[in-house]
PDBML (XML) file of the C-alpha atoms, coordinates in Angstrom:
<?xml version="1.0" encoding="UTF-8" ?>
<PDBx:datablock datablockName="MODEL"
   xmlns:PDBx="http://pdbml.pdb.org/schema/pdbx-v50.xsd"
   xmlns:xsi="http://www.w3.org/2001/XMLSchema-instance"
   xsi:schemaLocation="http://pdbml.pdb.org/schema/pdbx-v50.xsd pdbx-v50.xsd">
   <PDBx:atom_siteCategory>
      <PDBx:atom_site id="1">
         <PDBx:B_iso_or_equiv>0.00</PDBx:B_iso_or_equiv>
         <PDBx:Cartn_x>5.019</PDBx:Cartn_x>
         <PDBx:Cartn_y>-6.838</PDBx:Cartn_y>
         <PDBx:Cartn_z>-0.698</PDBx:Cartn_z>
         <PDBx:auth_asym_id>A</PDBx:auth_asym_id>
         <PDBx:auth_atom_id>CA</PDBx:auth_atom_id>
         <PDBx:auth_comp_id>GLU</PDBx:auth_comp_id>
         <PDBx:auth_seq_id>1</PDBx:auth_seq_id>
         <PDBx:group_PDB>ATOM</PDBx:group_PDB>
         <PDBx:label_alt_id xsi:nil="true" />
         <PDBx:label_asym_id>A</PDBx:label_asym_id>
         <PDBx:label_atom_id>CA</PDBx:label_atom_id>
         <PDBx:label_comp_id>GLU</PDBx:label_comp_id>
         <PDBx:label_entity_id>1</PDBx:label_entity_id>
         <PDBx:label_seq_id>1</PDBx:label_seq_id>
         <PDBx:occupancy>1.00</PDBx:occupancy>
         <PDBx:pdbx_PDB_model_num>1</PDBx:pdbx_PDB_model_num>
         <PDBx:type_symbol>C</PDBx:type_symbol>
      </PDBx:atom_site>
      <PDBx:atom_site id="2">
         <PDBx:B_iso_or_equiv>0.00</PDBx:B_iso_or_equiv>
         <PDBx:Cartn_x>6.847</PDBx:Cartn_x>
         <PDBx:Cartn_y>-3.666</PDBx:Cartn_y>
         <PDBx:Cartn_z>0.965</PDBx:Cartn_z>
         <PDBx:auth_asym_id>A</PDBx:auth_asym_id>
         <PDBx:auth_atom_id>CA</PDBx:auth_atom_id>
         <PDBx:auth_comp_id>HIS</PDBx:auth_comp_id>
         <PDBx:auth_seq_id>2</PDBx:auth_seq_id>
         <PDBx:group_PDB>ATOM</PDBx:group_PDB>
         <PDBx:label_alt_id xsi:nil="true" />
         <PDBx:label_asym_id>A</PDBx:label_asym_id>
         <PDBx:label_atom_id>CA</PDBx:label_atom_id>
         <PDBx:label_comp_id>HIS</PDBx:label_comp_id>
         <PDBx:label_entity_id>1</PDBx:label_entity_id>
         <PDBx:label_seq_id>2</PDBx:label_seq_id>
         <PDBx:occupancy>1.00</PDBx:occupancy>
         <PDBx:pdbx_PDB_model_num>1</PDBx:pdbx_PDB_model_num>
         <PDBx:type_symbol>C</PDBx:type_symbol>
      </PDBx:atom_site>
      <PDBx:atom_site id="3">
         <PDBx:B_iso_or_equiv>0.00</PDBx:B_iso_or_equiv>
         <PDBx:Cartn_x>5.694</PDBx:Cartn_x>
         <PDBx:Cartn_y>-2.861</PDBx:Cartn_y>
         <PDBx:Cartn_z>3.910</PDBx:Cartn_z>
         <PDBx:auth_asym_id>A</PDBx:auth_asym_id>
         <PDBx:auth_atom_id>CA</PDBx:auth_atom_id>
         <PDBx:auth_comp_id>HIS</PDBx:auth_comp_id>
         <PDBx:auth_seq_id>3</PDBx:auth_seq_id>
         <PDBx:group_PDB>ATOM</PDBx:group_PDB>
         <PDBx:label_alt_id xsi:nil="true" />
         <PDBx:label_asym_id>A</PDBx:label_asym_id>
         <PDBx:label_atom_id>CA</PDBx:label_atom_id>
         <PDBx:label_comp_id>HIS</PDBx:label_comp_id>
         <PDBx:label_entity_id>1</PDBx:label_entity_id>
         <PDBx:label_seq_id>3</PDBx:label_seq_id>
         <PDBx:occupancy>1.00</PDBx:occupancy>
         <PDBx:pdbx_PDB_model_num>1</PDBx:pdbx_PDB_model_num>
         <PDBx:type_symbol>C</PDBx:type_symbol>
      </PDBx:atom_site>
      <PDBx:atom_site id="4">
         <PDBx:B_iso_or_equiv>0.00</PDBx:B_iso_or_equiv>
         <PDBx:Cartn_x>6.854</PDBx:Cartn_x>
         <PDBx:Cartn_y>0.735</PDBx:Cartn_y>
         <PDBx:Cartn_z>4.723</PDBx:Cartn_z>
         <PDBx:auth_asym_id>A</PDBx:auth_asym_id>
         <PDBx:auth_atom_id>CA</PDBx:auth_atom_id>
         <PDBx:auth_comp_id>GLU</PDBx:auth_comp_id>
         <PDBx:auth_seq_id>4</PDBx:auth_seq_id>
         <PDBx:group_PDB>ATOM</PDBx:group_PDB>
         <PDBx:label_alt_id xsi:nil="true" />
         <PDBx:label_asym_id>A</PDBx:label_asym_id>
         <PDBx:label_atom_id>CA</PDBx:label_atom_id>
         <PDBx:label_comp_id>GLU</PDBx:label_comp_id>
         <PDBx:label_entity_id>1</PDBx:label_entity_id>
         <PDBx:label_seq_id>4</PDBx:label_seq_id>
         <PDBx:occupancy>1.00</PDBx:occupancy>
         <PDBx:pdbx_PDB_model_num>1</PDBx:pdbx_PDB_model_num>
         <PDBx:type_symbol>C</PDBx:type_symbol>
      </PDBx:atom_site>
      <PDBx:atom_site id="5">
         <PDBx:B_iso_or_equiv>0.00</PDBx:B_iso_or_equiv>
         <PDBx:Cartn_x>5.427</PDBx:Cartn_x>
         <PDBx:Cartn_y>1.816</PDBx:Cartn_y>
         <PDBx:Cartn_z>1.277</PDBx:Cartn_z>
         <PDBx:auth_asym_id>A</PDBx:auth_asym_id>
         <PDBx:auth_atom_id>CA</PDBx:auth_atom_id>
         <PDBx:auth_comp_id>ASN</PDBx:auth_comp_id>
         <PDBx:auth_seq_id>5</PDBx:auth_seq_id>
         <PDBx:group_PDB>ATOM</PDBx:group_PDB>
         <PDBx:label_alt_id xsi:nil="true" />
         <PDBx:label_asym_id>A</PDBx:label_asym_id>
         <PDBx:label_atom_id>CA</PDBx:label_atom_id>
         <PDBx:label_comp_id>ASN</PDBx:label_comp_id>
         <PDBx:label_entity_id>1</PDBx:label_entity_id>
         <PDBx:label_seq_id>5</PDBx:label_seq_id>
         <PDBx:occupancy>1.00</PDBx:occupancy>
         <PDBx:pdbx_PDB_model_num>1</PDBx:pdbx_PDB_model_num>
         <PDBx:type_symbol>C</PDBx:type_symbol>
      </PDBx:atom_site>
      <PDBx:atom_site id="6">
         <PDBx:B_iso_or_equiv>0.00</PDBx:B_iso_or_equiv>
         <PDBx:Cartn_x>1.938</PDBx:Cartn_x>
         <PDBx:Cartn_y>0.501</PDBx:Cartn_y>
         <PDBx:Cartn_z>1.573</PDBx:Cartn_z>
         <PDBx:auth_asym_id>A</PDBx:auth_asym_id>
         <PDBx:auth_atom_id>CA</PDBx:auth_atom_id>
         <PDBx:auth_comp_id>ARG</PDBx:auth_comp_id>
         <PDBx:auth_seq_id>6</PDBx:auth_seq_id>
         <PDBx:group_PDB>ATOM</PDBx:group_PDB>
         <PDBx:label_alt_id xsi:nil="true" />
         <PDBx:label_asym_id>A</PDBx:label_asym_id>
         <PDBx:label_atom_id>CA</PDBx:label_atom_id>
         <PDBx:label_comp_id>ARG</PDBx:label_comp_id>
         <PDBx:label_entity_id>1</PDBx:label_entity_id>
         <PDBx:label_seq_id>6</PDBx:label_seq_id>
         <PDBx:occupancy>1.00</PDBx:occupancy>
         <PDBx:pdbx_PDB_model_num>1</PDBx:pdbx_PDB_model_num>
         <PDBx:type_symbol>C</PDBx:type_symbol>
      </PDBx:atom_site>
      <PDBx:atom_site id="7">
         <PDBx:B_iso_or_equiv>0.00</PDBx:B_iso_or_equiv>
         <PDBx:Cartn_x>1.853</PDBx:Cartn_x>
         <PDBx:Cartn_y>2.094</PDBx:Cartn_y>
         <PDBx:Cartn_z>5.153</PDBx:Cartn_z>
         <PDBx:auth_asym_id>A</PDBx:auth_asym_id>
         <PDBx:auth_atom_id>CA</PDBx:auth_atom_id>
         <PDBx:auth_comp_id>THR</PDBx:auth_comp_id>
         <PDBx:auth_seq_id>7</PDBx:auth_seq_id>
         <PDBx:group_PDB>ATOM</PDBx:group_PDB>
         <PDBx:label_alt_id xsi:nil="true" />
         <PDBx:label_asym_id>A</PDBx:label_asym_id>
         <PDBx:label_atom_id>CA</PDBx:label_atom_id>
         <PDBx:label_comp_id>THR</PDBx:label_comp_id>
         <PDBx:label_entity_id>1</PDBx:label_entity_id>
         <PDBx:label_seq_id>7</PDBx:label_seq_id>
         <PDBx:occupancy>1.00</PDBx:occupancy>
         <PDBx:pdbx_PDB_model_num>1</PDBx:pdbx_PDB_model_num>
         <PDBx:type_symbol>C</PDBx:type_symbol>
      </PDBx:atom_site>
      <PDBx:atom_site id="8">
         <PDBx:B_iso_or_equiv>0.00</PDBx:B_iso_or_equiv>
         <PDBx:Cartn_x>2.770</PDBx:Cartn_x>
         <PDBx:Cartn_y>5.725</PDBx:Cartn_y>
         <PDBx:Cartn_z>3.787</PDBx:Cartn_z>
         <PDBx:auth_asym_id>A</PDBx:auth_asym_id>
         <PDBx:auth_atom_id>CA</PDBx:auth_atom_id>
         <PDBx:auth_comp_id>ASP</PDBx:auth_comp_id>
         <PDBx:auth_seq_id>8</PDBx:auth_seq_id>
         <PDBx:group_PDB>ATOM</PDBx:group_PDB>
         <PDBx:label_alt_id xsi:nil="true" />
         <PDBx:label_asym_id>A</PDBx:label_asym_id>
         <PDBx:label_atom_id>CA</PDBx:label_atom_id>
         <PDBx:label_comp_id>ASP</PDBx:label_comp_id>
         <PDBx:label_entity_id>1</PDBx:label_entity_id>
         <PDBx:label_seq_id>8</PDBx:label_seq_id>
         <PDBx:occupancy>1.00</PDBx:occupancy>
         <PDBx:pdbx_PDB_model_num>1</PDBx:pdbx_PDB_model_num>
         <PDBx:type_symbol>C</PDBx:type_symbol>
      </PDBx:atom_site>
      <PDBx:atom_site id="9">
         <PDBx:B_iso_or_equiv>0.00</PDBx:B_iso_or_equiv>
         <PDBx:Cartn_x>0.336</PDBx:Cartn_x>
         <PDBx:Cartn_y>5.508</PDBx:Cartn_y>
         <PDBx:Cartn_z>1.017</PDBx:Cartn_z>
         <PDBx:auth_asym_id>A</PDBx:auth_asym_id>
         <PDBx:auth_atom_id>CA</PDBx:auth_atom_id>
         <PDBx:auth_comp_id>LEU</PDBx:auth_comp_id>
         <PDBx:auth_seq_id>9</PDBx:auth_seq_id>
         <PDBx:group_PDB>ATOM</PDBx:group_PDB>
         <PDBx:label_alt_id xsi:nil="true" />
         <PDBx:label_asym_id>A</PDBx:label_asym_id>
         <PDBx:label_atom_id>CA</PDBx:label_atom_id>
         <PDBx:label_comp_id>LEU</PDBx:label_comp_id>
         <PDBx:label_entity_id>1</PDBx:label_entity_id>
         <PDBx:label_seq_id>9</PDBx:label_seq_id>
         <PDBx:occupancy>1.00</PDBx:occupancy>
         <PDBx:pdbx_PDB_model_num>1</PDBx:pdbx_PDB_model_num>
         <PDBx:type_symbol>C</PDBx:type_symbol>
      </PDBx:atom_site>
      <PDBx:atom_site id="10">
         <PDBx:B_iso_or_equiv>0.00</PDBx:B_iso_or_equiv>
         <PDBx:Cartn_x>-2.379</PDBx:Cartn_x>
         <PDBx:Cartn_y>4.469</PDBx:Cartn_y>
         <PDBx:Cartn_z>3.255</PDBx:Cartn_z>
         <PDBx:auth_asym_id>A</PDBx:auth_asym_id>
         <PDBx:auth_atom_id>CA</PDBx:auth_atom_id>
         <PDBx:auth_comp_id>GLN</PDBx:auth_comp_id>
         <PDBx:auth_seq_id>10</PDBx:auth_seq_id>
         <PDBx:group_PDB>ATOM</PDBx:group_PDB>
         <PDBx:label_alt_id xsi:nil="true" />
         <PDBx:label_asym_id>A</PDBx:label_asym_id>
         <PDBx:label_atom_id>CA</PDBx:label_atom_id>
         <PDBx:label_comp_id>GLN</PDBx:label_comp_id>
         <PDBx:label_entity_id>1</PDBx:label_entity_id>
         <PDBx:label_seq_id>10</PDBx:label_seq_id>
         <PDBx:occupancy>1.00</PDBx:occupancy>
         <PDBx:pdbx_PDB_model_num>1</PDBx:pdbx_PDB_model_num>
         <PDBx:type_symbol>C</PDBx:type_symbol>
      </PDBx:atom_site>
      <PDBx:atom_site id="11">
         <PDBx:B_iso_or_equiv>0.00</PDBx:B_iso_or_equiv>
         <PDBx:Cartn_x>-1.458</PDBx:Cartn_x>
         <PDBx:Cartn_y>7.103</PDBx:Cartn_y>
         <PDBx:Cartn_z>6.208</PDBx:Cartn_z>
         <PDBx:auth_asym_id>A</PDBx:auth_asym_id>
         <PDBx:auth_atom_id>CA</PDBx:auth_atom_id>
         <PDBx:auth_comp_id>GLU</PDBx:auth_comp_id>
         <PDBx:auth_seq_id>11</PDBx:auth_seq_id>
         <PDBx:group_PDB>ATOM</PDBx:group_PDB>
         <PDBx:label_alt_id xsi:nil="true" />
         <PDBx:label_asym_id>A</PDBx:label_asym_id>
         <PDBx:label_atom_id>CA</PDBx:label_atom_id>
         <PDBx:label_comp_id>GLU</PDBx:label_comp_id>
         <PDBx:label_entity_id>1</PDBx:label_entity_id>
         <PDBx:label_seq_id>11</PDBx:label_seq_id>
         <PDBx:occupancy>1.00</PDBx:occupancy>
         <PDBx:pdbx_PDB_model_num>1</PDBx:pdbx_PDB_model_num>
         <PDBx:type_symbol>C</PDBx:type_symbol>
      </PDBx:atom_site>
      <PDBx:atom_site id="12">
         <PDBx:B_iso_or_equiv>0.00</PDBx:B_iso_or_equiv>
         <PDBx:Cartn_x>0.802</PDBx:Cartn_x>
         <PDBx:Cartn_y>10.044</PDBx:Cartn_y>
         <PDBx:Cartn_z>4.433</PDBx:Cartn_z>
         <PDBx:auth_asym_id>A</PDBx:auth_asym_id>
         <PDBx:auth_atom_id>CA</PDBx:auth_atom_id>
         <PDBx:auth_comp_id>MET</PDBx:auth_comp_id>
         <PDBx:auth_seq_id>12</PDBx:auth_seq_id>
         <PDBx:group_PDB>ATOM</PDBx:group_PDB>
         <PDBx:label_alt_id xsi:nil="true" />
         <PDBx:label_asym_id>A</PDBx:label_asym_id>
         <PDBx:label_atom_id>CA</PDBx:label_atom_id>
         <PDBx:label_comp_id>MET</PDBx:label_comp_id>
         <PDBx:label_entity_id>1</PDBx:label_entity_id>
         <PDBx:label_seq_id>12</PDBx:label_seq_id>
         <PDBx:occupancy>1.00</PDBx:occupancy>
         <PDBx:pdbx_PDB_model_num>1</PDBx:pdbx_PDB_model_num>
         <PDBx:type_symbol>C</PDBx:type_symbol>
      </PDBx:atom_site>
      <PDBx:atom_site id="13">
         <PDBx:B_iso_or_equiv>0.00</PDBx:B_iso_or_equiv>
         <PDBx:Cartn_x>-1.503</PDBx:Cartn_x>
         <PDBx:Cartn_y>9.712</PDBx:Cartn_y>
         <PDBx:Cartn_z>1.246</PDBx:Cartn_z>
         <PDBx:auth_asym_id>A</PDBx:auth_asym_id>
         <PDBx:auth_atom_id>CA</PDBx:auth_atom_id>
         <PDBx:auth_comp_id>GLY</PDBx:auth_comp_id>
         <PDBx:auth_seq_id>13</PDBx:auth_seq_id>
         <PDBx:group_PDB>ATOM</PDBx:group_PDB>
         <PDBx:label_alt_id xsi:nil="true" />
         <PDBx:label_asym_id>A</PDBx:label_asym_id>
         <PDBx:label_atom_id>CA</PDBx:label_atom_id>
         <PDBx:label_comp_id>GLY</PDBx:label_comp_id>
         <PDBx:label_entity_id>1</PDBx:label_entity_id>
         <PDBx:label_seq_id>13</PDBx:label_seq_id>
         <PDBx:occupancy>1.00</PDBx:occupancy>
         <PDBx:pdbx_PDB_model_num>1</PDBx:pdbx_PDB_model_num>
         <PDBx:type_symbol>C</PDBx:type_symbol>
      </PDBx:atom_site>
      <PDBx:atom_site id="14">
         <PDBx:B_iso_or_equiv>0.00</PDBx:B_iso_or_equiv>
         <PDBx:Cartn_x>-4.731</PDBx:Cartn_x>
         <PDBx:Cartn_y>9.293</PDBx:Cartn_y>
         <PDBx:Cartn_z>3.621</PDBx:Cartn_z>
         <PDBx:auth_asym_id>A</PDBx:auth_asym_id>
         <PDBx:auth_atom_id>CA</PDBx:auth_atom_id>
         <PDBx:auth_comp_id>ASP</PDBx:auth_comp_id>
         <PDBx:auth_seq_id>14</PDBx:auth_seq_id>
         <PDBx:group_PDB>ATOM</PDBx:group_PDB>
         <PDBx:label_alt_id xsi:nil="true" />
         <PDBx:label_asym_id>A</PDBx:label_asym_id>
         <PDBx:label_atom_id>CA</PDBx:label_atom_id>
         <PDBx:label_comp_id>ASP</PDBx:label_comp_id>
         <PDBx:label_entity_id>1</PDBx:label_entity_id>
         <PDBx:label_seq_id>14</PDBx:label_seq_id>
         <PDBx:occupancy>1.00</PDBx:occupancy>
         <PDBx:pdbx_PDB_model_num>1</PDBx:pdbx_PDB_model_num>
         <PDBx:type_symbol>C</PDBx:type_symbol>
      </PDBx:atom_site>
      <PDBx:atom_site id="15">
         <PDBx:B_iso_or_equiv>0.00</PDBx:B_iso_or_equiv>
         <PDBx:Cartn_x>-5.812</PDBx:Cartn_x>
         <PDBx:Cartn_y>6.668</PDBx:Cartn_y>
         <PDBx:Cartn_z>0.916</PDBx:Cartn_z>
         <PDBx:auth_asym_id>A</PDBx:auth_asym_id>
         <PDBx:auth_atom_id>CA</PDBx:auth_atom_id>
         <PDBx:auth_comp_id>CYS</PDBx:auth_comp_id>
         <PDBx:auth_seq_id>15</PDBx:auth_seq_id>
         <PDBx:group_PDB>ATOM</PDBx:group_PDB>
         <PDBx:label_alt_id xsi:nil="true" />
         <PDBx:label_asym_id>A</PDBx:label_asym_id>
         <PDBx:label_atom_id>CA</PDBx:label_atom_id>
         <PDBx:label_comp_id>CYS</PDBx:label_comp_id>
         <PDBx:label_entity_id>1</PDBx:label_entity_id>
         <PDBx:label_seq_id>15</PDBx:label_seq_id>
         <PDBx:occupancy>1.00</PDBx:occupancy>
         <PDBx:pdbx_PDB_model_num>1</PDBx:pdbx_PDB_model_num>
         <PDBx:type_symbol>C</PDBx:type_symbol>
      </PDBx:atom_site>
      <PDBx:atom_site id="16">
         <PDBx:B_iso_or_equiv>0.00</PDBx:B_iso_or_equiv>
         <PDBx:Cartn_x>-6.868</PDBx:Cartn_x>
         <PDBx:Cartn_y>3.025</PDBx:Cartn_y>
         <PDBx:Cartn_z>2.071</PDBx:Cartn_z>
         <PDBx:auth_asym_id>A</PDBx:auth_asym_id>
         <PDBx:auth_atom_id>CA</PDBx:auth_atom_id>
         <PDBx:auth_comp_id>PRO</PDBx:auth_comp_id>
         <PDBx:auth_seq_id>16</PDBx:auth_seq_id>
         <PDBx:group_PDB>ATOM</PDBx:group_PDB>
         <PDBx:label_alt_id xsi:nil="true" />
         <PDBx:label_asym_id>A</PDBx:label_asym_id>
         <PDBx:label_atom_id>CA</PDBx:label_atom_id>
         <PDBx:label_comp_id>PRO</PDBx:label_comp_id>
         <PDBx:label_entity_id>1</PDBx:label_entity_id>
         <PDBx:label_seq_id>16</PDBx:label_seq_id>
         <PDBx:occupancy>1.00</PDBx:occupancy>
         <PDBx:pdbx_PDB_model_num>1</PDBx:pdbx_PDB_model_num>
         <PDBx:type_symbol>C</PDBx:type_symbol>
      </PDBx:atom_site>
      <PDBx:atom_site id="17">
         <PDBx:B_iso_or_equiv>0.00</PDBx:B_iso_or_equiv>
         <PDBx:Cartn_x>-5.252</PDBx:Cartn_x>
         <PDBx:Cartn_y>-0.383</PDBx:Cartn_y>
         <PDBx:Cartn_z>-0.108</PDBx:Cartn_z>
         <PDBx:auth_asym_id>A</PDBx:auth_asym_id>
         <PDBx:auth_atom_id>CA</PDBx:auth_atom_id>
         <PDBx:auth_comp_id>VAL</PDBx:auth_comp_id>
         <PDBx:auth_seq_id>17</PDBx:auth_seq_id>
         <PDBx:group_PDB>ATOM</PDBx:group_PDB>
         <PDBx:label_alt_id xsi:nil="true" />
         <PDBx:label_asym_id>A</PDBx:label_asym_id>
         <PDBx:label_atom_id>CA</PDBx:label_atom_id>
         <PDBx:label_comp_id>VAL</PDBx:label_comp_id>
         <PDBx:label_entity_id>1</PDBx:label_entity_id>
         <PDBx:label_seq_id>17</PDBx:label_seq_id>
         <PDBx:occupancy>1.00</PDBx:occupancy>
         <PDBx:pdbx_PDB_model_num>1</PDBx:pdbx_PDB_model_num>
         <PDBx:type_symbol>C</PDBx:type_symbol>
      </PDBx:atom_site>
      <PDBx:atom_site id="18">
         <PDBx:B_iso_or_equiv>0.00</PDBx:B_iso_or_equiv>
         <PDBx:Cartn_x>-7.707</PDBx:Cartn_x>
         <PDBx:Cartn_y>-2.614</PDBx:Cartn_y>
         <PDBx:Cartn_z>-0.660</PDBx:Cartn_z>
         <PDBx:auth_asym_id>A</PDBx:auth_asym_id>
         <PDBx:auth_atom_id>CA</PDBx:auth_atom_id>
         <PDBx:auth_comp_id>LEU</PDBx:auth_comp_id>
         <PDBx:auth_seq_id>18</PDBx:auth_seq_id>
         <PDBx:group_PDB>ATOM</PDBx:group_PDB>
         <PDBx:label_alt_id xsi:nil="true" />
         <PDBx:label_asym_id>A</PDBx:label_asym_id>
         <PDBx:label_atom_id>CA</PDBx:label_atom_id>
         <PDBx:label_comp_id>LEU</PDBx:label_comp_id>
         <PDBx:label_entity_id>1</PDBx:label_entity_id>
         <PDBx:label_seq_id>18</PDBx:label_seq_id>
         <PDBx:occupancy>1.00</PDBx:occupancy>
         <PDBx:pdbx_PDB_model_num>1</PDBx:pdbx_PDB_model_num>
         <PDBx:type_symbol>C</PDBx:type_symbol>
      </PDBx:atom_site>
      <PDBx:atom_site id="19">
         <PDBx:B_iso_or_equiv>0.00</PDBx:B_iso_or_equiv>
         <PDBx:Cartn_x>-6.073</PDBx:Cartn_x>
         <PDBx:Cartn_y>-5.141</PDBx:Cartn_y>
         <PDBx:Cartn_z>-2.137</PDBx:Cartn_z>
         <PDBx:auth_asym_id>A</PDBx:auth_asym_id>
         <PDBx:auth_atom_id>CA</PDBx:auth_atom_id>
         <PDBx:auth_comp_id>ALA</PDBx:auth_comp_id>
         <PDBx:auth_seq_id>19</PDBx:auth_seq_id>
         <PDBx:group_PDB>ATOM</PDBx:group_PDB>
         <PDBx:label_alt_id xsi:nil="true" />
         <PDBx:label_asym_id>A</PDBx:label_asym_id>
         <PDBx:label_atom_id>CA</PDBx:label_atom_id>
         <PDBx:label_comp_id>ALA</PDBx:label_comp_id>
         <PDBx:label_entity_id>1</PDBx:label_entity_id>
         <PDBx:label_seq_id>19</PDBx:label_seq_id>
         <PDBx:occupancy>1.00</PDBx:occupancy>
         <PDBx:pdbx_PDB_model_num>1</PDBx:pdbx_PDB_model_num>
         <PDBx:type_symbol>C</PDBx:type_symbol>
      </PDBx:atom_site>
      <PDBx:atom_site id="20">
         <PDBx:B_iso_or_equiv>0.00</PDBx:B_iso_or_equiv>
         <PDBx:Cartn_x>-2.710</PDBx:Cartn_x>
         <PDBx:Cartn_y>-6.166</PDBx:Cartn_y>
         <PDBx:Cartn_z>-3.659</PDBx:Cartn_z>
         <PDBx:auth_asym_id>A</PDBx:auth_asym_id>
         <PDBx:auth_atom_id>CA</PDBx:auth_atom_id>
         <PDBx:auth_comp_id>GLN</PDBx:auth_comp_id>
         <PDBx:auth_seq_id>20</PDBx:auth_seq_id>
         <PDBx:group_PDB>ATOM</PDBx:group_PDB>
         <PDBx:label_alt_id xsi:nil="true" />
         <PDBx:label_asym_id>A</PDBx:label_asym_id>
         <PDBx:label_atom_id>CA</PDBx:label_atom_id>
         <PDBx:label_comp_id>GLN</PDBx:label_comp_id>
         <PDBx:label_entity_id>1</PDBx:label_entity_id>
         <PDBx:label_seq_id>20</PDBx:label_seq_id>
         <PDBx:occupancy>1.00</PDBx:occupancy>
         <PDBx:pdbx_PDB_model_num>1</PDBx:pdbx_PDB_model_num>
         <PDBx:type_symbol>C</PDBx:type_symbol>
      </PDBx:atom_site>
      <PDBx:atom_site id="21">
         <PDBx:B_iso_or_equiv>0.00</PDBx:B_iso_or_equiv>
         <PDBx:Cartn_x>-1.500</PDBx:Cartn_x>
         <PDBx:Cartn_y>-8.632</PDBx:Cartn_y>
         <PDBx:Cartn_z>-6.642</PDBx:Cartn_z>
         <PDBx:auth_asym_id>A</PDBx:auth_asym_id>
         <PDBx:auth_atom_id>CA</PDBx:auth_atom_id>
         <PDBx:auth_comp_id>LEU</PDBx:auth_comp_id>
         <PDBx:auth_seq_id>21</PDBx:auth_seq_id>
         <PDBx:group_PDB>ATOM</PDBx:group_PDB>
         <PDBx:label_alt_id xsi:nil="true" />
         <PDBx:label_asym_id>A</PDBx:label_asym_id>
         <PDBx:label_atom_id>CA</PDBx:label_atom_id>
         <PDBx:label_comp_id>LEU</PDBx:label_comp_id>
         <PDBx:label_entity_id>1</PDBx:label_entity_id>
         <PDBx:label_seq_id>21</PDBx:label_seq_id>
         <PDBx:occupancy>1.00</PDBx:occupancy>
         <PDBx:pdbx_PDB_model_num>1</PDBx:pdbx_PDB_model_num>
         <PDBx:type_symbol>C</PDBx:type_symbol>
      </PDBx:atom_site>
      <PDBx:atom_site id="22">
         <PDBx:B_iso_or_equiv>0.00</PDBx:B_iso_or_equiv>
         <PDBx:Cartn_x>1.778</PDBx:Cartn_x>
         <PDBx:Cartn_y>-9.570</PDBx:Cartn_y>
         <PDBx:Cartn_z>-7.097</PDBx:Cartn_z>
         <PDBx:auth_asym_id>A</PDBx:auth_asym_id>
         <PDBx:auth_atom_id>CA</PDBx:auth_atom_id>
         <PDBx:auth_comp_id>PRO</PDBx:auth_comp_id>
         <PDBx:auth_seq_id>22</PDBx:auth_seq_id>
         <PDBx:group_PDB>ATOM</PDBx:group_PDB>
         <PDBx:label_alt_id xsi:nil="true" />
         <PDBx:label_asym_id>A</PDBx:label_asym_id>
         <PDBx:label_atom_id>CA</PDBx:label_atom_id>
         <PDBx:label_comp_id>PRO</PDBx:label_comp_id>
         <PDBx:label_entity_id>1</PDBx:label_entity_id>
         <PDBx:label_seq_id>22</PDBx:label_seq_id>
         <PDBx:occupancy>1.00</PDBx:occupancy>
         <PDBx:pdbx_PDB_model_num>1</PDBx:pdbx_PDB_model_num>
         <PDBx:type_symbol>C</PDBx:type_symbol>
      </PDBx:atom_site>
      <PDBx:atom_site id="23">
         <PDBx:B_iso_or_equiv>0.00</PDBx:B_iso_or_equiv>
         <PDBx:Cartn_x>3.213</PDBx:Cartn_x>
         <PDBx:Cartn_y>-8.710</PDBx:Cartn_y>
         <PDBx:Cartn_z>-10.789</PDBx:Cartn_z>
         <PDBx:auth_asym_id>A</PDBx:auth_asym_id>
         <PDBx:auth_atom_id>CA</PDBx:auth_atom_id>
         <PDBx:auth_comp_id>LEU</PDBx:auth_comp_id>
         <PDBx:auth_seq_id>23</PDBx:auth_seq_id>
         <PDBx:group_PDB>ATOM</PDBx:group_PDB>
         <PDBx:label_alt_id xsi:nil="true" />
         <PDBx:label_asym_id>A</PDBx:label_asym_id>
         <PDBx:label_atom_id>CA</PDBx:label_atom_id>
         <PDBx:label_comp_id>LEU</PDBx:label_comp_id>
         <PDBx:label_entity_id>1</PDBx:label_entity_id>
         <PDBx:label_seq_id>23</PDBx:label_seq_id>
         <PDBx:occupancy>1.00</PDBx:occupancy>
         <PDBx:pdbx_PDB_model_num>1</PDBx:pdbx_PDB_model_num>
         <PDBx:type_symbol>C</PDBx:type_symbol>
      </PDBx:atom_site>
      <PDBx:atom_site id="24">
         <PDBx:B_iso_or_equiv>0.00</PDBx:B_iso_or_equiv>
         <PDBx:Cartn_x>3.462</PDBx:Cartn_x>
         <PDBx:Cartn_y>-12.111</PDBx:Cartn_y>
         <PDBx:Cartn_z>-12.363</PDBx:Cartn_z>
         <PDBx:auth_asym_id>A</PDBx:auth_asym_id>
         <PDBx:auth_atom_id>CA</PDBx:auth_atom_id>
         <PDBx:auth_comp_id>VAL</PDBx:auth_comp_id>
         <PDBx:auth_seq_id>24</PDBx:auth_seq_id>
         <PDBx:group_PDB>ATOM</PDBx:group_PDB>
         <PDBx:label_alt_id xsi:nil="true" />
         <PDBx:label_asym_id>A</PDBx:label_asym_id>
         <PDBx:label_atom_id>CA</PDBx:label_atom_id>
         <PDBx:label_comp_id>VAL</PDBx:label_comp_id>
         <PDBx:label_entity_id>1</PDBx:label_entity_id>
         <PDBx:label_seq_id>24</PDBx:label_seq_id>
         <PDBx:occupancy>1.00</PDBx:occupancy>
         <PDBx:pdbx_PDB_model_num>1</PDBx:pdbx_PDB_model_num>
         <PDBx:type_symbol>C</PDBx:type_symbol>
      </PDBx:atom_site>
   </PDBx:atom_siteCategory>
</PDBx:datablock>
């Protein structure tokens, strides 16, 4: 989880994040 990156990608990239998976 990286809240700032997720927010920037959605708002500045104008693209929804549909889901997130951990790197296992």
